[in-house]
Amino acid sequence: MTVSRILPLLLFASVAHAEPPWGKVDLQAAPELHQKACAGCHIRMYGGDGSKMYTRDGRMLSTQLELLQRVGACNAQMNAGWFPEEEGTVAAWLNQRYYRFEN
């Protein structure tokens, strides 16, 4: 096989197995982080447990990267004081629980 045939296969393989944008996370820490920094605002906005924020029609996020960026923006807006690893942890947990975006 020539290099011109192998290169596209290698590029496809690297894209197909790309890592999520949040890197290594601690999913067990996410519910507590979310409860402390996010739930109160979401409850004020939507009532109940606030999960409608993630499940409503017309939600604006469509990729893992957009989700991570939104969590980062909320962290800054709410002055939660999270490190990037904690933002990634919450984004990964939200993705697993509600969004299910692919890599």
N, C-alpha and C. Protein backbone atom coordinates (compact mmCIF):
# COMPACT_ATOMS: atom_id res chain seq x y z
N MET A 1 0.85 -1.18 0.00
CA MET A 1 0.00 0.00 0.00
C MET A 1 0.90 1.24 0.00
N THR A 2 0.51 2.22 -0.77
CA THR A 2 1.31 3.43 -0.86
C THR A 2 0.98 4.39 0.27
N VAL A 3 1.89 5.34 0.48
CA VAL A 3 1.69 6.35 1.52
C VAL A 3 0.42 7.14 1.27
N SER A 4 0.11 7.43 0.02
CA SER A 4 -1.09 8.21 -0.28
C SER A 4 -2.37 7.48 0.11
N ARG A 5 -2.31 6.17 0.19
CA ARG A 5 -3.49 5.40 0.62
C ARG A 5 -3.51 5.20 2.13
N ILE A 6 -2.38 5.15 2.75
CA ILE A 6 -2.30 4.92 4.18
C ILE A 6 -2.63 6.19 4.97
N LEU A 7 -2.14 7.35 4.50
CA LEU A 7 -2.33 8.60 5.23
C LEU A 7 -3.79 8.90 5.53
N PRO A 8 -4.71 8.82 4.57
CA PRO A 8 -6.12 9.09 4.91
C PRO A 8 -6.67 8.12 5.96
N LEU A 9 -6.23 6.88 5.93
CA LEU A 9 -6.69 5.91 6.94
C LEU A 9 -6.19 6.28 8.33
N LEU A 10 -4.94 6.72 8.42
CA LEU A 10 -4.39 7.14 9.70
C LEU A 10 -5.10 8.38 10.23
N LEU A 11 -5.38 9.33 9.35
CA LEU A 11 -6.10 10.53 9.76
C LEU A 11 -7.49 10.19 10.26
N PHE A 12 -8.19 9.31 9.56
CA PHE A 12 -9.53 8.89 9.98
C PHE A 12 -9.47 8.21 11.34
N ALA A 13 -8.50 7.35 11.53
CA ALA A 13 -8.38 6.63 12.80
C ALA A 13 -8.12 7.59 13.95
N SER A 14 -7.31 8.61 13.73
CA SER A 14 -7.03 9.55 14.81
C SER A 14 -8.24 10.39 15.15
N VAL A 15 -9.04 10.75 14.17
CA VAL A 15 -10.26 11.53 14.42
C VAL A 15 -11.33 10.65 15.05
N ALA A 16 -11.46 9.43 14.58
CA ALA A 16 -12.50 8.53 15.08
C ALA A 16 -12.30 8.19 16.56
N HIS A 17 -11.06 8.23 17.03
CA HIS A 17 -10.78 7.87 18.41
C HIS A 17 -10.30 9.06 19.22
N ALA A 18 -10.76 10.23 18.87
CA ALA A 18 -10.36 11.44 19.58
C ALA A 18 -10.87 11.41 21.02
N GLU A 19 -10.09 11.97 21.89
CA GLU A 19 -10.46 12.05 23.30
C GLU A 19 -11.48 13.16 23.51
N PRO A 20 -12.36 13.02 24.49
CA PRO A 20 -13.28 14.12 24.80
C PRO A 20 -12.50 15.34 25.27
N PRO A 21 -13.06 16.53 25.14
CA PRO A 21 -12.31 17.74 25.47
C PRO A 21 -12.04 17.93 26.96
N TRP A 22 -12.67 17.17 27.82
CA TRP A 22 -12.48 17.38 29.25
C TRP A 22 -11.38 16.53 29.85
N GLY A 23 -10.78 15.64 29.10
CA GLY A 23 -9.67 14.84 29.61
C GLY A 23 -10.09 13.87 30.70
N LYS A 24 -9.18 13.61 31.63
CA LYS A 24 -9.43 12.67 32.71
C LYS A 24 -10.32 13.32 33.77
N VAL A 25 -11.34 12.61 34.23
CA VAL A 25 -12.31 13.20 35.16
C VAL A 25 -12.60 12.25 36.32
N ASP A 26 -13.23 12.81 37.36
CA ASP A 26 -13.68 12.05 38.52
C ASP A 26 -15.21 12.18 38.56
N LEU A 27 -15.90 11.28 37.90
CA LEU A 27 -17.36 11.38 37.80
C LEU A 27 -18.05 11.28 39.16
N GLN A 28 -17.41 10.66 40.13
CA GLN A 28 -18.05 10.56 41.45
C GLN A 28 -18.08 11.90 42.17
N ALA A 29 -17.17 12.80 41.82
CA ALA A 29 -17.14 14.13 42.46
C ALA A 29 -18.15 15.08 41.83
N ALA A 30 -18.60 14.79 40.63
CA ALA A 30 -19.45 15.72 39.88
C ALA A 30 -20.79 16.04 40.53
N PRO A 31 -21.55 15.07 41.03
CA PRO A 31 -22.86 15.44 41.61
C PRO A 31 -22.76 16.46 42.73
N GLU A 32 -21.76 16.34 43.58
CA GLU A 32 -21.61 17.29 44.68
C GLU A 32 -21.21 18.68 44.16
N LEU A 33 -20.28 18.71 43.20
CA LEU A 33 -19.89 19.99 42.60
C LEU A 33 -21.10 20.66 41.96
N HIS A 34 -21.86 19.88 41.21
CA HIS A 34 -23.05 20.39 40.53
C HIS A 34 -24.07 20.91 41.53
N GLN A 35 -24.30 20.15 42.58
CA GLN A 35 -25.29 20.54 43.59
C GLN A 35 -24.90 21.87 44.25
N LYS A 36 -23.65 22.02 44.59
CA LYS A 36 -23.19 23.22 45.28
C LYS A 36 -23.21 24.46 44.40
N ALA A 37 -22.82 24.33 43.13
CA ALA A 37 -22.62 25.52 42.30
C ALA A 37 -23.69 25.75 41.25
N CYS A 38 -24.40 24.72 40.84
CA CYS A 38 -25.30 24.85 39.69
C CYS A 38 -26.78 24.74 40.04
N ALA A 39 -27.11 23.82 40.92
CA ALA A 39 -28.51 23.47 41.15
C ALA A 39 -29.36 24.65 41.59
N GLY A 40 -28.85 25.49 42.46
CA GLY A 40 -29.65 26.62 42.96
C GLY A 40 -30.09 27.54 41.84
N CYS A 41 -29.20 27.89 40.96
CA CYS A 41 -29.52 28.77 39.84
C CYS A 41 -30.51 28.09 38.89
N HIS A 42 -30.28 26.82 38.59
CA HIS A 42 -31.16 26.10 37.68
C HIS A 42 -32.55 25.93 38.26
N ILE A 43 -32.65 25.74 39.56
CA ILE A 43 -33.96 25.63 40.22
C ILE A 43 -34.69 26.97 40.14
N ARG A 44 -33.96 28.07 40.36
CA ARG A 44 -34.59 29.39 40.23
C ARG A 44 -35.09 29.62 38.80
N MET A 45 -34.37 29.13 37.84
CA MET A 45 -34.74 29.36 36.43
C MET A 45 -35.87 28.44 35.97
N TYR A 46 -35.85 27.17 36.43
CA TYR A 46 -36.78 26.17 35.89
C TYR A 46 -37.64 25.48 36.93
N GLY A 47 -37.36 25.68 38.21
CA GLY A 47 -38.14 25.01 39.24
C GLY A 47 -37.75 23.56 39.41
N GLY A 48 -38.37 22.93 40.40
CA GLY A 48 -38.11 21.51 40.65
C GLY A 48 -36.66 21.23 40.93
N ASP A 49 -36.10 20.25 40.25
CA ASP A 49 -34.70 19.92 40.47
C ASP A 49 -33.78 20.66 39.49
N GLY A 50 -34.34 21.44 38.62
CA GLY A 50 -33.53 22.23 37.68
C GLY A 50 -33.00 21.46 36.49
N SER A 51 -33.29 20.16 36.41
CA SER A 51 -32.74 19.37 35.30
C SER A 51 -33.36 19.74 33.96
N LYS A 52 -34.46 20.48 33.98
CA LYS A 52 -35.04 20.92 32.70
C LYS A 52 -34.05 21.77 31.91
N MET A 53 -33.10 22.38 32.60
CA MET A 53 -32.04 23.14 31.95
C MET A 53 -31.36 22.27 30.87
N TYR A 54 -31.23 20.99 31.15
CA TYR A 54 -30.51 20.09 30.27
C TYR A 54 -31.43 19.34 29.31
N THR A 55 -32.70 19.23 29.63
CA THR A 55 -33.59 18.39 28.84
C THR A 55 -34.63 19.16 28.04
N ARG A 56 -34.65 20.47 28.15
CA ARG A 56 -35.68 21.28 27.50
C ARG A 56 -35.55 21.25 25.98
N ASP A 57 -36.67 21.49 25.32
CA ASP A 57 -36.66 21.63 23.86
C ASP A 57 -35.88 22.89 23.50
N GLY A 58 -35.17 22.83 22.41
CA GLY A 58 -34.44 23.99 21.94
C GLY A 58 -33.16 24.28 22.70
N ARG A 59 -32.64 23.30 23.44
CA ARG A 59 -31.38 23.57 24.13
C ARG A 59 -30.32 23.92 23.10
N MET A 60 -29.37 24.73 23.51
CA MET A 60 -28.47 25.36 22.56
C MET A 60 -27.14 24.63 22.37
N LEU A 61 -26.85 23.63 23.15
CA LEU A 61 -25.58 22.93 23.05
C LEU A 61 -25.70 21.73 22.13
N SER A 62 -24.64 21.48 21.34
CA SER A 62 -24.71 20.35 20.42
C SER A 62 -23.42 19.54 20.34
N THR A 63 -22.39 19.91 21.10
CA THR A 63 -21.14 19.14 21.09
C THR A 63 -20.54 19.10 22.49
N GLN A 64 -19.60 18.20 22.67
CA GLN A 64 -18.90 18.11 23.95
C GLN A 64 -18.15 19.40 24.25
N LEU A 65 -17.52 19.97 23.23
CA LEU A 65 -16.76 21.20 23.44
C LEU A 65 -17.67 22.35 23.87
N GLU A 66 -18.83 22.48 23.23
CA GLU A 66 -19.78 23.52 23.64
C GLU A 66 -20.24 23.32 25.08
N LEU A 67 -20.45 22.07 25.47
CA LEU A 67 -20.84 21.77 26.85
C LEU A 67 -19.74 22.19 27.82
N LEU A 68 -18.51 21.85 27.51
CA LEU A 68 -17.39 22.22 28.38
C LEU A 68 -17.27 23.74 28.46
N GLN A 69 -17.43 24.43 27.35
CA GLN A 69 -17.37 25.89 27.35
C GLN A 69 -18.50 26.50 28.19
N ARG A 70 -19.69 25.93 28.11
CA ARG A 70 -20.82 26.44 28.89
C ARG A 70 -20.57 26.25 30.39
N VAL A 71 -20.04 25.08 30.77
CA VAL A 71 -19.73 24.84 32.18
C VAL A 71 -18.67 25.84 32.65
N GLY A 72 -17.69 26.11 31.82
CA GLY A 72 -16.66 27.10 32.17
C GLY A 72 -17.25 28.49 32.34
N ALA A 73 -18.17 28.87 31.45
CA ALA A 73 -18.81 30.18 31.55
C ALA A 73 -19.65 30.28 32.82
N CYS A 74 -20.38 29.23 33.15
CA CYS A 74 -21.18 29.23 34.38
C CYS A 74 -20.28 29.28 35.61
N ASN A 75 -19.17 28.57 35.58
CA ASN A 75 -18.21 28.60 36.68
C ASN A 75 -17.76 30.04 36.92
N ALA A 76 -17.43 30.74 35.86
CA ALA A 76 -16.98 32.13 36.00
C ALA A 76 -18.11 33.04 36.47
N GLN A 77 -19.29 32.86 35.89
CA GLN A 77 -20.44 33.71 36.23
C GLN A 77 -20.86 33.53 37.69
N MET A 78 -20.82 32.31 38.17
CA MET A 78 -21.26 32.03 39.54
C MET A 78 -20.13 32.12 40.55
N ASN A 79 -18.92 32.39 40.09
CA ASN A 79 -17.74 32.44 40.96
C ASN A 79 -17.60 31.16 41.78
N ALA A 80 -17.81 30.03 41.11
CA ALA A 80 -17.72 28.74 41.81
C ALA A 80 -16.29 28.42 42.23
N GLY A 81 -15.32 28.97 41.54
CA GLY A 81 -13.93 28.74 41.90
C GLY A 81 -13.39 27.38 41.48
N TRP A 82 -14.03 26.77 40.49
CA TRP A 82 -13.57 25.46 40.03
C TRP A 82 -12.29 25.59 39.23
N PHE A 83 -11.45 24.59 39.34
CA PHE A 83 -10.29 24.42 38.48
C PHE A 83 -10.76 23.81 37.16
N PRO A 84 -9.96 23.90 36.10
CA PRO A 84 -10.36 23.29 34.82
C PRO A 84 -10.72 21.81 34.94
N GLU A 85 -10.03 21.08 35.82
CA GLU A 85 -10.34 19.66 35.99
C GLU A 85 -11.75 19.47 36.55
N GLU A 86 -12.17 20.36 37.42
CA GLU A 86 -13.52 20.27 37.98
C GLU A 86 -14.57 20.65 36.94
N GLU A 87 -14.27 21.64 36.11
CA GLU A 87 -15.17 21.97 35.00
C GLU A 87 -15.33 20.75 34.10
N GLY A 88 -14.21 20.09 33.80
CA GLY A 88 -14.26 18.89 32.96
C GLY A 88 -15.05 17.77 33.60
N THR A 89 -14.89 17.62 34.90
CA THR A 89 -15.62 16.58 35.63
C THR A 89 -17.13 16.81 35.52
N VAL A 90 -17.57 18.03 35.75
CA VAL A 90 -19.00 18.34 35.69
C VAL A 90 -19.51 18.21 34.25
N ALA A 91 -18.74 18.68 33.28
CA ALA A 91 -19.16 18.57 31.88
C ALA A 91 -19.29 17.11 31.47
N ALA A 92 -18.33 16.28 31.86
CA ALA A 92 -18.39 14.85 31.53
C ALA A 92 -19.60 14.19 32.18
N TRP A 93 -19.87 14.54 33.43
CA TRP A 93 -21.02 13.98 34.13
C TRP A 93 -22.33 14.40 33.47
N LEU A 94 -22.44 15.69 33.12
CA LEU A 94 -23.64 16.17 32.43
C LEU A 94 -23.81 15.46 31.09
N ASN A 95 -22.71 15.25 30.40
CA ASN A 95 -22.78 14.56 29.12
C ASN A 95 -23.26 13.12 29.30
N GLN A 96 -22.72 12.46 30.30
CA GLN A 96 -23.12 11.08 30.56
C GLN A 96 -24.58 10.99 30.99
N ARG A 97 -25.02 11.92 31.80
CA ARG A 97 -26.35 11.86 32.38
C ARG A 97 -27.45 12.40 31.46
N TYR A 98 -27.17 13.49 30.72
CA TYR A 98 -28.21 14.15 29.95
C TYR A 98 -27.95 14.24 28.44
N TYR A 99 -26.77 14.67 28.06
CA TYR A 99 -26.56 15.05 26.67
C TYR A 99 -26.19 13.90 25.74
N ARG A 100 -25.26 13.07 26.15
CA ARG A 100 -24.79 11.93 25.37
C ARG A 100 -24.18 12.33 24.02
N PHE A 101 -23.41 13.41 24.02
CA PHE A 101 -22.70 13.80 22.81
C PHE A 101 -21.55 12.82 22.57
N GLU A 102 -21.30 12.53 21.30
CA GLU A 102 -20.20 11.65 20.92
C GLU A 102 -18.90 12.43 20.87
N ASN A 103 -17.77 11.72 20.96
CA ASN A 103 -16.45 12.36 20.83
C ASN A 103 -16.33 13.04 19.49
